[in-house]
Every structure is written in C-alpha cells, then in structure tokens.
C-alpha cells in the first residue's frame, strides 16, 4: 500500500483500530504507524462503547 500511496502523490496514511485489538495494533506499529490520538466511545458494539486509536504514517 505504501508504494501505491506514494505513486498517487499521498504524503500520509491514516487508520483507526480498537484499543483492545492488540494483534492489529502490533501489526500497524510494525508497519510504521504511530498513535496520534484516541477517539473515545467511537463505536457501540454489543451494547459496549469502545475507544479507537487514531494512527498515522508519514510517507515522505
């Protein structure tokens, strides 16, 4: 995805991941993403509000 994004002239990638998703968080960190913030109560799943990390990766 990094190669494609650079070819399109993008300077950054962004994503969100549920804070409890340890496997996903580890994968994204390994790929160079960093946590830029927290979205509190951003999702309602099975009656529970969940927080998400807002993550970004600079390409340039």
C-alpha atoms as a PDB file:
ATOM      1  CA  UNK A   1       0.000   0.000   0.000  1.00  0.00           C
ATOM      2  CA  UNK A   2       2.885   2.366   0.748  1.00  0.00           C
ATOM      3  CA  UNK A   3       4.152   2.076  -2.834  1.00  0.00           C
ATOM      4  CA  UNK A   4       0.710   2.706  -4.308  1.00  0.00           C
ATOM      5  CA  UNK A   5       0.121   5.683  -1.985  1.00  0.00           C
ATOM      6  CA  UNK A   6       3.442   7.263  -2.954  1.00  0.00           C
ATOM      7  CA  UNK A   7       2.673   6.734  -6.645  1.00  0.00           C
ATOM      8  CA  UNK A   8      -0.599   8.597  -6.101  1.00  0.00           C
ATOM      9  CA  UNK A   9       1.271  11.515  -4.519  1.00  0.00           C
ATOM     10  CA  UNK A  10      -0.003  10.907  -0.989  1.00  0.00           C
ATOM     11  CA  UNK A  11       2.131  12.030   1.924  1.00  0.00           C
ATOM     12  CA  UNK A  12       0.474  10.022   4.707  1.00  0.00           C
ATOM     13  CA  UNK A  13      -1.736   7.070   5.526  1.00  0.00           C
ATOM     14  CA  UNK A  14      -4.301   7.010   8.332  1.00  0.00           C
ATOM     15  CA  UNK A  15      -6.340   4.344  10.114  1.00  0.00           C
ATOM     16  CA  UNK A  16      -8.236   3.606  13.288  1.00  0.00           C
ATOM     17  CA  UNK A  17      -8.030   0.482  15.424  1.00  0.00           C
ATOM     18  CA  UNK A  18      -9.974  -0.537  18.539  1.00  0.00           C
ATOM     19  CA  UNK A  19      -7.692  -0.085  21.558  1.00  0.00           C
ATOM     20  CA  UNK A  20      -8.256  -3.690  22.701  1.00  0.00           C
ATOM     21  CA  UNK A  21      -7.129  -5.112  19.335  1.00  0.00           C
ATOM     22  CA  UNK A  22      -3.578  -5.953  20.430  1.00  0.00           C
ATOM     23  CA  UNK A  23      -2.758  -8.026  17.329  1.00  0.00           C
ATOM     24  CA  UNK A  24      -3.920  -5.290  14.965  1.00  0.00           C
ATOM     25  CA  UNK A  25      -2.126  -2.603  16.921  1.00  0.00           C
ATOM     26  CA  UNK A  26       1.133  -4.599  16.860  1.00  0.00           C
ATOM     27  CA  UNK A  27       0.795  -5.152  13.105  1.00  0.00           C
ATOM     28  CA  UNK A  28       0.210  -1.462  12.393  1.00  0.00           C
ATOM     29  CA  UNK A  29       3.111  -0.378  14.621  1.00  0.00           C
ATOM     30  CA  UNK A  30       5.376  -2.872  12.838  1.00  0.00           C
ATOM     31  CA  UNK A  31       4.283  -1.298   9.531  1.00  0.00           C
ATOM     32  CA  UNK A  32       5.379   2.138  10.786  1.00  0.00           C
ATOM     33  CA  UNK A  33       2.115   3.634  12.030  1.00  0.00           C
ATOM     34  CA  UNK A  34       2.127   5.671  15.248  1.00  0.00           C
ATOM     35  CA  UNK A  35      -0.721   6.514  17.607  1.00  0.00           C
ATOM     36  CA  UNK A  36      -1.785  10.119  17.101  1.00  0.00           C
ATOM     37  CA  UNK A  37      -4.836  10.209  19.360  1.00  0.00           C
ATOM     38  CA  UNK A  38      -7.765   8.406  20.919  1.00  0.00           C
ATOM     39  CA  UNK A  39     -11.391   8.536  19.769  1.00  0.00           C
ATOM     40  CA  UNK A  40     -13.410   7.975  22.951  1.00  0.00           C
ATOM     41  CA  UNK A  41     -16.605   5.924  22.699  1.00  0.00           C
ATOM     42  CA  UNK A  42     -16.296   5.890  18.912  1.00  0.00           C
ATOM     43  CA  UNK A  43     -18.023   2.533  18.430  1.00  0.00           C
ATOM     44  CA  UNK A  44     -21.005   0.818  20.024  1.00  0.00           C
ATOM     45  CA  UNK A  45     -20.579  -2.954  19.743  1.00  0.00           C
ATOM     46  CA  UNK A  46     -22.806  -5.431  21.579  1.00  0.00           C
ATOM     47  CA  UNK A  47     -24.002  -2.667  23.886  1.00  0.00           C
ATOM     48  CA  UNK A  48     -20.480  -1.548  24.859  1.00  0.00           C
ATOM     49  CA  UNK A  49     -18.804   1.697  23.864  1.00  0.00           C
ATOM     50  CA  UNK A  50     -15.270   1.128  22.582  1.00  0.00           C
ATOM     51  CA  UNK A  51     -12.390   3.556  22.114  1.00  0.00           C
ATOM     52  CA  UNK A  52     -10.243   3.607  18.991  1.00  0.00           C
ATOM     53  CA  UNK A  53      -6.683   4.716  18.400  1.00  0.00           C
ATOM     54  CA  UNK A  54      -6.250   7.148  15.540  1.00  0.00           C
ATOM     55  CA  UNK A  55      -2.995   6.193  13.797  1.00  0.00           C
ATOM     56  CA  UNK A  56      -0.954   7.744  11.028  1.00  0.00           C
ATOM     57  CA  UNK A  57       2.133   7.065   8.967  1.00  0.00           C
ATOM     58  CA  UNK A  58       4.128   9.718   7.118  1.00  0.00           C
ATOM     59  CA  UNK A  59       5.373   8.598   3.708  1.00  0.00           C
ATOM     60  CA  UNK A  60       7.771  11.391   2.913  1.00  0.00           C
END
